[in-house]
Amino acid sequence: MIRTATDTDIPALMRIRAAVQENRLNDPSRVPASAYQEFLAVSRIWLFEDETGIHGFAAADPRDGSIWALFIDPAAEGRGIGKALLPYALDDLRTGGWTQAHLSTGPGTRADTFYRRQGWEPAGMTEGGEQGFVRAL
């Protein structure tokens, strides 16, 4: 089931982000609980949950037209959770008036491959050395 996150879900979201090994922000001190709380004040975080718990989440930032997060618990990879969550985040950007979404991720990572397969177009490298992507909405 896909639903919006609440403050009580933040510990599970932090656990999932920290479990993703290719994530440069997997250190919980770099994205503390307060960052999630602040984000929930301006947008939604969508999560995938079943009877065994929360297995992934996605969020778009309506302030800048970006994908703020898309993380899947490594134990739940390959189940189509990322594909199921991403449209919810993209719809939040459309609703916010954006006609194009953008994001960045580590080059050569599984996330890089995932976004390319979902129709995202490479948009050069960021100053921080990440692969930028754009996608028309």
N, C-alpha and C. Protein backbone atom coordinates (compact mmCIF):
# COMPACT_ATOMS: atom_id res chain seq x y z
N MET A 1 0.83 -1.17 0.00
CA MET A 1 0.00 0.00 0.00
C MET A 1 0.89 1.25 0.00
N ILE A 2 0.50 2.24 -0.76
CA ILE A 2 1.21 3.51 -0.78
C ILE A 2 0.37 4.53 -0.02
N ARG A 3 1.03 5.23 0.90
CA ARG A 3 0.35 6.25 1.69
C ARG A 3 1.33 7.38 2.00
N THR A 4 0.81 8.48 2.50
CA THR A 4 1.70 9.58 2.89
C THR A 4 2.26 9.32 4.28
N ALA A 5 3.48 9.78 4.46
CA ALA A 5 4.17 9.60 5.73
C ALA A 5 3.72 10.64 6.74
N THR A 6 3.88 10.29 8.00
CA THR A 6 3.65 11.21 9.11
C THR A 6 4.93 11.27 9.94
N ASP A 7 4.95 12.16 10.91
CA ASP A 7 6.12 12.27 11.78
C ASP A 7 6.48 10.93 12.44
N THR A 8 5.47 10.11 12.73
CA THR A 8 5.75 8.85 13.40
C THR A 8 6.49 7.85 12.50
N ASP A 9 6.49 8.10 11.17
CA ASP A 9 7.18 7.22 10.23
C ASP A 9 8.65 7.59 10.07
N ILE A 10 9.07 8.73 10.58
CA ILE A 10 10.43 9.22 10.33
C ILE A 10 11.51 8.23 10.73
N PRO A 11 11.45 7.57 11.88
CA PRO A 11 12.51 6.60 12.21
C PRO A 11 12.65 5.50 11.15
N ALA A 12 11.55 5.01 10.61
CA ALA A 12 11.63 3.97 9.57
C ALA A 12 12.24 4.54 8.29
N LEU A 13 11.90 5.77 7.93
CA LEU A 13 12.47 6.39 6.74
C LEU A 13 13.97 6.60 6.90
N MET A 14 14.38 7.01 8.08
CA MET A 14 15.82 7.19 8.35
C MET A 14 16.56 5.85 8.28
N ARG A 15 15.92 4.80 8.79
CA ARG A 15 16.55 3.47 8.73
C ARG A 15 16.76 3.04 7.29
N ILE A 16 15.74 3.25 6.45
CA ILE A 16 15.85 2.85 5.04
C ILE A 16 16.95 3.66 4.35
N ARG A 17 16.95 4.97 4.52
CA ARG A 17 17.99 5.80 3.88
C ARG A 17 19.38 5.34 4.30
N ALA A 18 19.56 5.06 5.57
CA ALA A 18 20.87 4.63 6.07
C ALA A 18 21.28 3.27 5.54
N ALA A 19 20.31 2.42 5.19
CA ALA A 19 20.61 1.07 4.70
C ALA A 19 21.06 1.05 3.25
N VAL A 20 20.76 2.10 2.50
CA VAL A 20 21.12 2.14 1.08
C VAL A 20 22.60 2.49 0.97
N GLN A 21 23.40 1.53 0.59
CA GLN A 21 24.85 1.68 0.60
C GLN A 21 25.39 2.67 -0.42
N GLU A 22 24.76 2.82 -1.56
CA GLU A 22 25.26 3.74 -2.58
C GLU A 22 24.85 5.19 -2.31
N ASN A 23 24.21 5.43 -1.22
CA ASN A 23 23.71 6.76 -0.87
C ASN A 23 24.77 7.55 -0.13
N ARG A 24 25.17 8.68 -0.70
CA ARG A 24 26.19 9.51 -0.03
C ARG A 24 25.64 10.16 1.23
N LEU A 25 24.33 10.15 1.40
CA LEU A 25 23.70 10.74 2.59
C LEU A 25 23.20 9.66 3.55
N ASN A 26 23.88 8.50 3.58
CA ASN A 26 23.40 7.43 4.46
C ASN A 26 23.82 7.63 5.91
N ASP A 27 24.62 8.63 6.19
CA ASP A 27 24.96 8.98 7.56
C ASP A 27 23.77 9.77 8.13
N PRO A 28 23.09 9.22 9.15
CA PRO A 28 21.89 9.88 9.68
C PRO A 28 22.11 11.32 10.15
N SER A 29 23.34 11.67 10.51
CA SER A 29 23.59 13.04 10.97
C SER A 29 23.52 14.05 9.82
N ARG A 30 23.64 13.57 8.58
CA ARG A 30 23.57 14.48 7.42
C ARG A 30 22.14 14.80 7.03
N VAL A 31 21.20 13.91 7.35
CA VAL A 31 19.76 14.15 7.12
C VAL A 31 19.05 13.71 8.41
N PRO A 32 19.07 14.58 9.42
CA PRO A 32 18.47 14.21 10.70
C PRO A 32 16.95 14.21 10.66
N ALA A 33 16.35 13.75 11.73
CA ALA A 33 14.89 13.70 11.82
C ALA A 33 14.28 15.08 11.58
N SER A 34 14.96 16.12 12.03
CA SER A 34 14.43 17.47 11.84
C SER A 34 14.31 17.82 10.36
N ALA A 35 15.17 17.30 9.50
CA ALA A 35 15.07 17.56 8.06
C ALA A 35 13.81 16.94 7.48
N TYR A 36 13.45 15.76 7.96
CA TYR A 36 12.21 15.13 7.52
C TYR A 36 11.00 15.93 8.00
N GLN A 37 11.05 16.37 9.25
CA GLN A 37 9.95 17.16 9.81
C GLN A 37 9.77 18.46 9.03
N GLU A 38 10.88 19.13 8.72
CA GLU A 38 10.82 20.36 7.95
C GLU A 38 10.26 20.09 6.55
N PHE A 39 10.67 18.98 5.95
CA PHE A 39 10.19 18.65 4.62
C PHE A 39 8.69 18.36 4.65
N LEU A 40 8.23 17.63 5.64
CA LEU A 40 6.80 17.33 5.74
C LEU A 40 5.94 18.59 5.93
N ALA A 41 6.56 19.67 6.36
CA ALA A 41 5.82 20.92 6.52
C ALA A 41 5.56 21.60 5.16
N VAL A 42 6.33 21.22 4.11
CA VAL A 42 6.17 21.86 2.80
C VAL A 42 5.72 20.89 1.70
N SER A 43 5.81 19.61 1.94
CA SER A 43 5.46 18.63 0.91
C SER A 43 5.07 17.32 1.57
N ARG A 44 4.87 16.33 0.71
CA ARG A 44 4.52 14.99 1.19
C ARG A 44 5.68 14.03 0.95
N ILE A 45 5.75 13.04 1.79
CA ILE A 45 6.64 11.90 1.57
C ILE A 45 5.72 10.71 1.39
N TRP A 46 5.89 10.04 0.27
CA TRP A 46 5.08 8.86 -0.03
C TRP A 46 5.86 7.64 0.41
N LEU A 47 5.16 6.69 1.04
CA LEU A 47 5.87 5.47 1.44
C LEU A 47 5.09 4.24 1.01
N PHE A 48 5.86 3.17 0.85
CA PHE A 48 5.29 1.87 0.51
C PHE A 48 5.35 1.03 1.76
N GLU A 49 4.19 0.51 2.15
CA GLU A 49 4.08 -0.28 3.37
C GLU A 49 3.24 -1.52 3.10
N ASP A 50 3.65 -2.63 3.67
CA ASP A 50 2.81 -3.83 3.65
C ASP A 50 2.70 -4.34 5.08
N GLU A 51 2.18 -5.54 5.23
CA GLU A 51 1.96 -6.08 6.58
C GLU A 51 3.25 -6.27 7.37
N THR A 52 4.40 -6.28 6.70
CA THR A 52 5.67 -6.47 7.41
C THR A 52 6.38 -5.16 7.70
N GLY A 53 5.88 -4.03 7.20
CA GLY A 53 6.50 -2.75 7.51
C GLY A 53 6.66 -1.84 6.31
N ILE A 54 7.41 -0.78 6.51
CA ILE A 54 7.69 0.21 5.47
C ILE A 54 8.94 -0.24 4.71
N HIS A 55 8.85 -0.23 3.37
CA HIS A 55 9.95 -0.75 2.55
C HIS A 55 10.57 0.27 1.60
N GLY A 56 9.99 1.45 1.51
CA GLY A 56 10.57 2.47 0.64
C GLY A 56 9.79 3.76 0.74
N PHE A 57 10.42 4.84 0.23
CA PHE A 57 9.74 6.13 0.23
C PHE A 57 10.26 7.02 -0.89
N ALA A 58 9.44 7.96 -1.28
CA ALA A 58 9.78 8.92 -2.33
C ALA A 58 9.18 10.27 -1.98
N ALA A 59 9.85 11.34 -2.41
CA ALA A 59 9.35 12.68 -2.15
C ALA A 59 9.91 13.64 -3.19
N ALA A 60 9.08 14.61 -3.56
CA ALA A 60 9.48 15.67 -4.47
C ALA A 60 9.41 17.00 -3.74
N ASP A 61 10.31 17.89 -4.10
CA ASP A 61 10.35 19.20 -3.45
C ASP A 61 9.69 20.24 -4.36
N PRO A 62 8.49 20.70 -4.00
CA PRO A 62 7.79 21.65 -4.85
C PRO A 62 8.42 23.04 -4.89
N ARG A 63 9.39 23.29 -4.01
CA ARG A 63 10.06 24.59 -4.01
C ARG A 63 11.05 24.72 -5.15
N ASP A 64 11.65 23.58 -5.59
CA ASP A 64 12.66 23.68 -6.64
C ASP A 64 12.47 22.68 -7.79
N GLY A 65 11.41 21.89 -7.75
CA GLY A 65 11.13 20.96 -8.85
C GLY A 65 11.98 19.71 -8.86
N SER A 66 12.54 19.36 -7.72
CA SER A 66 13.45 18.21 -7.66
C SER A 66 12.82 17.01 -6.96
N ILE A 67 13.42 15.86 -7.21
CA ILE A 67 13.11 14.67 -6.43
C ILE A 67 14.01 14.74 -5.20
N TRP A 68 13.41 14.87 -4.05
CA TRP A 68 14.14 15.02 -2.79
C TRP A 68 14.66 13.67 -2.30
N ALA A 69 13.89 12.62 -2.57
CA ALA A 69 14.28 11.29 -2.08
C ALA A 69 13.55 10.20 -2.84
N LEU A 70 14.24 9.11 -3.07
CA LEU A 70 13.64 7.84 -3.52
C LEU A 70 14.56 6.75 -3.01
N PHE A 71 14.14 6.10 -1.95
CA PHE A 71 14.95 5.08 -1.30
C PHE A 71 14.12 3.83 -1.05
N ILE A 72 14.73 2.70 -1.36
CA ILE A 72 14.09 1.40 -1.15
C ILE A 72 14.99 0.59 -0.23
N ASP A 73 14.39 -0.02 0.76
CA ASP A 73 15.13 -0.90 1.66
C ASP A 73 15.82 -1.97 0.81
N PRO A 74 17.13 -2.16 0.95
CA PRO A 74 17.83 -3.17 0.15
C PRO A 74 17.20 -4.56 0.24
N ALA A 75 16.60 -4.89 1.36
CA ALA A 75 15.96 -6.20 1.51
C ALA A 75 14.69 -6.32 0.66
N ALA A 76 14.18 -5.20 0.16
CA ALA A 76 12.93 -5.21 -0.63
C ALA A 76 13.17 -4.84 -2.10
N GLU A 77 14.42 -4.74 -2.50
CA GLU A 77 14.72 -4.37 -3.89
C GLU A 77 14.20 -5.42 -4.86
N GLY A 78 13.89 -4.98 -6.07
CA GLY A 78 13.45 -5.89 -7.12
C GLY A 78 11.97 -6.20 -7.09
N ARG A 79 11.23 -5.51 -6.24
CA ARG A 79 9.78 -5.76 -6.12
C ARG A 79 8.95 -4.70 -6.85
N GLY A 80 9.62 -3.74 -7.51
CA GLY A 80 8.89 -2.69 -8.22
C GLY A 80 8.43 -1.55 -7.34
N ILE A 81 8.97 -1.45 -6.14
CA ILE A 81 8.55 -0.41 -5.21
C ILE A 81 8.95 0.97 -5.70
N GLY A 82 10.16 1.11 -6.20
CA GLY A 82 10.60 2.41 -6.72
C GLY A 82 9.75 2.87 -7.88
N LYS A 83 9.46 1.95 -8.80
CA LYS A 83 8.59 2.28 -9.95
C LYS A 83 7.21 2.69 -9.48
N ALA A 84 6.72 2.07 -8.43
CA ALA A 84 5.38 2.39 -7.92
C ALA A 84 5.35 3.74 -7.21
N LEU A 85 6.41 4.09 -6.50
CA LEU A 85 6.44 5.33 -5.73
C LEU A 85 6.73 6.58 -6.57
N LEU A 86 7.61 6.45 -7.55
CA LEU A 86 8.06 7.63 -8.30
C LEU A 86 6.92 8.44 -8.91
N PRO A 87 5.90 7.84 -9.50
CA PRO A 87 4.81 8.65 -10.07
C PRO A 87 4.10 9.54 -9.06
N TYR A 88 4.03 9.13 -7.81
CA TYR A 88 3.40 9.96 -6.79
C TYR A 88 4.21 11.24 -6.57
N ALA A 89 5.52 11.10 -6.48
CA ALA A 89 6.38 12.27 -6.31
C ALA A 89 6.31 13.18 -7.53
N LEU A 90 6.32 12.58 -8.71
CA LEU A 90 6.24 13.39 -9.94
C LEU A 90 4.91 14.13 -10.02
N ASP A 91 3.84 13.49 -9.59
CA ASP A 91 2.54 14.15 -9.60
C ASP A 91 2.51 15.34 -8.65
N ASP A 92 3.22 15.24 -7.53
CA ASP A 92 3.31 16.39 -6.62
C ASP A 92 3.97 17.57 -7.31
N LEU A 93 4.97 17.31 -8.14
CA LEU A 93 5.62 18.40 -8.88
C LEU A 93 4.68 18.99 -9.92
N ARG A 94 3.97 18.13 -10.66
CA ARG A 94 2.99 18.62 -11.64
C ARG A 94 1.96 19.51 -10.97
N THR A 95 1.44 19.04 -9.86
CA THR A 95 0.44 19.80 -9.11
C THR A 95 1.00 21.14 -8.65
N GLY A 96 2.29 21.16 -8.37
CA GLY A 96 2.96 22.39 -7.95
C GLY A 96 3.29 23.34 -9.09
N GLY A 97 2.93 22.94 -10.32
CA GLY A 97 3.14 23.81 -11.46
C GLY A 97 4.42 23.57 -12.25
N TRP A 98 5.17 22.58 -11.90
CA TRP A 98 6.41 22.29 -12.61
C TRP A 98 6.12 21.53 -13.91
N THR A 99 6.90 21.81 -14.94
CA THR A 99 6.78 21.10 -16.22
C THR A 99 7.96 20.18 -16.46
N GLN A 100 8.97 20.28 -15.58
CA GLN A 100 10.15 19.43 -15.68
C GLN A 100 10.65 19.13 -14.27
N ALA A 101 11.05 17.89 -14.05
CA ALA A 101 11.62 17.48 -12.77
C ALA A 101 13.12 17.29 -12.96
N HIS A 102 13.86 17.45 -11.87
CA HIS A 102 15.30 17.19 -11.93
C HIS A 102 15.76 16.49 -10.65
N LEU A 103 16.90 15.84 -10.77
CA LEU A 103 17.52 15.16 -9.64
C LEU A 103 18.97 14.91 -9.96
N SER A 104 19.71 14.45 -8.97
CA SER A 104 21.08 14.03 -9.20
C SER A 104 21.35 12.79 -8.36
N THR A 105 22.28 11.97 -8.86
CA THR A 105 22.65 10.75 -8.16
C THR A 105 24.07 10.37 -8.56
N GLY A 106 24.65 9.46 -7.85
CA GLY A 106 26.01 9.04 -8.15
C GLY A 106 26.09 8.39 -9.53
N PRO A 107 27.09 8.77 -10.32
CA PRO A 107 27.24 8.15 -11.64
C PRO A 107 27.60 6.67 -11.51
N GLY A 108 27.00 5.86 -12.38
CA GLY A 108 27.30 4.43 -12.39
C GLY A 108 26.65 3.63 -11.28
N THR A 109 25.77 4.25 -10.52
CA THR A 109 25.10 3.55 -9.42
C THR A 109 23.84 2.85 -9.93
N ARG A 110 23.24 2.06 -9.09
CA ARG A 110 21.97 1.43 -9.44
C ARG A 110 20.90 2.49 -9.66
N ALA A 111 20.96 3.58 -8.87
CA ALA A 111 20.00 4.67 -9.05
C ALA A 111 20.16 5.30 -10.43
N ASP A 112 21.39 5.50 -10.87
CA ASP A 112 21.66 6.04 -12.20
C ASP A 112 20.97 5.16 -13.25
N THR A 113 21.17 3.87 -13.16
CA THR A 113 20.55 2.92 -14.10
C THR A 113 19.03 2.97 -14.00
N PHE A 114 18.50 3.01 -12.80
CA PHE A 114 17.05 3.05 -12.58
C PHE A 114 16.44 4.26 -13.27
N TYR A 115 16.99 5.43 -13.04
CA TYR A 115 16.40 6.64 -13.62
C TYR A 115 16.48 6.63 -15.14
N ARG A 116 17.57 6.15 -15.69
CA ARG A 116 17.68 6.05 -17.15
C ARG A 116 16.57 5.13 -17.69
N ARG A 117 16.34 4.03 -17.02
CA ARG A 117 15.29 3.08 -17.45
C ARG A 117 13.89 3.67 -17.31
N GLN A 118 13.73 4.64 -16.44
CA GLN A 118 12.43 5.28 -16.23
C GLN A 118 12.23 6.49 -17.15
N GLY A 119 13.16 6.69 -18.09
CA GLY A 119 13.00 7.76 -19.08
C GLY A 119 13.62 9.09 -18.73
N TRP A 120 14.41 9.15 -17.68
CA TRP A 120 15.09 10.39 -17.33
C TRP A 120 16.25 10.61 -18.29
N GLU A 121 16.51 11.86 -18.63
CA GLU A 121 17.59 12.22 -19.55
C GLU A 121 18.78 12.78 -18.78
N PRO A 122 19.99 12.31 -19.10
CA PRO A 122 21.18 12.88 -18.45
C PRO A 122 21.26 14.38 -18.73
N ALA A 123 21.67 15.13 -17.70
CA ALA A 123 21.74 16.58 -17.81
C ALA A 123 23.08 17.11 -17.30
N GLY A 124 24.14 16.36 -17.55
CA GLY A 124 25.47 16.81 -17.13
C GLY A 124 25.77 16.46 -15.68
N MET A 125 26.97 16.81 -15.29
CA MET A 125 27.44 16.51 -13.95
C MET A 125 27.26 17.74 -13.05
N THR A 126 26.95 17.50 -11.80
CA THR A 126 26.84 18.59 -10.83
C THR A 126 28.22 18.98 -10.34
N GLU A 127 28.31 20.10 -9.66
CA GLU A 127 29.58 20.54 -9.08
C GLU A 127 30.11 19.52 -8.08
N GLY A 128 29.21 18.77 -7.46
CA GLY A 128 29.60 17.75 -6.49
C GLY A 128 29.97 16.42 -7.11
N GLY A 129 29.97 16.33 -8.46
CA GLY A 129 30.37 15.10 -9.14
C GLY A 129 29.26 14.08 -9.33
N GLU A 130 28.02 14.50 -9.15
CA GLU A 130 26.90 13.59 -9.37
C GLU A 130 26.35 13.76 -10.79
N GLN A 131 25.69 12.71 -11.26
CA GLN A 131 25.02 12.74 -12.56
C GLN A 131 23.68 13.45 -12.40
N GLY A 132 23.47 14.52 -13.15
CA GLY A 132 22.19 15.20 -13.14
C GLY A 132 21.24 14.56 -14.15
N PHE A 133 19.96 14.60 -13.86
CA PHE A 133 18.93 14.07 -14.75
C PHE A 133 17.77 15.05 -14.79
N VAL A 134 17.06 15.06 -15.92
CA VAL A 134 15.83 15.82 -16.05
C VAL A 134 14.78 14.92 -16.69
N ARG A 135 13.52 15.28 -16.45
CA ARG A 135 12.41 14.55 -17.06
C ARG A 135 11.24 15.50 -17.22
N ALA A 136 10.69 15.53 -18.42
CA ALA A 136 9.50 16.34 -18.67
C ALA A 136 8.32 15.74 -17.91
N LEU A 137 7.48 16.63 -17.41
CA LEU A 137 6.29 16.20 -16.69
C LEU A 137 5.08 16.37 -17.58
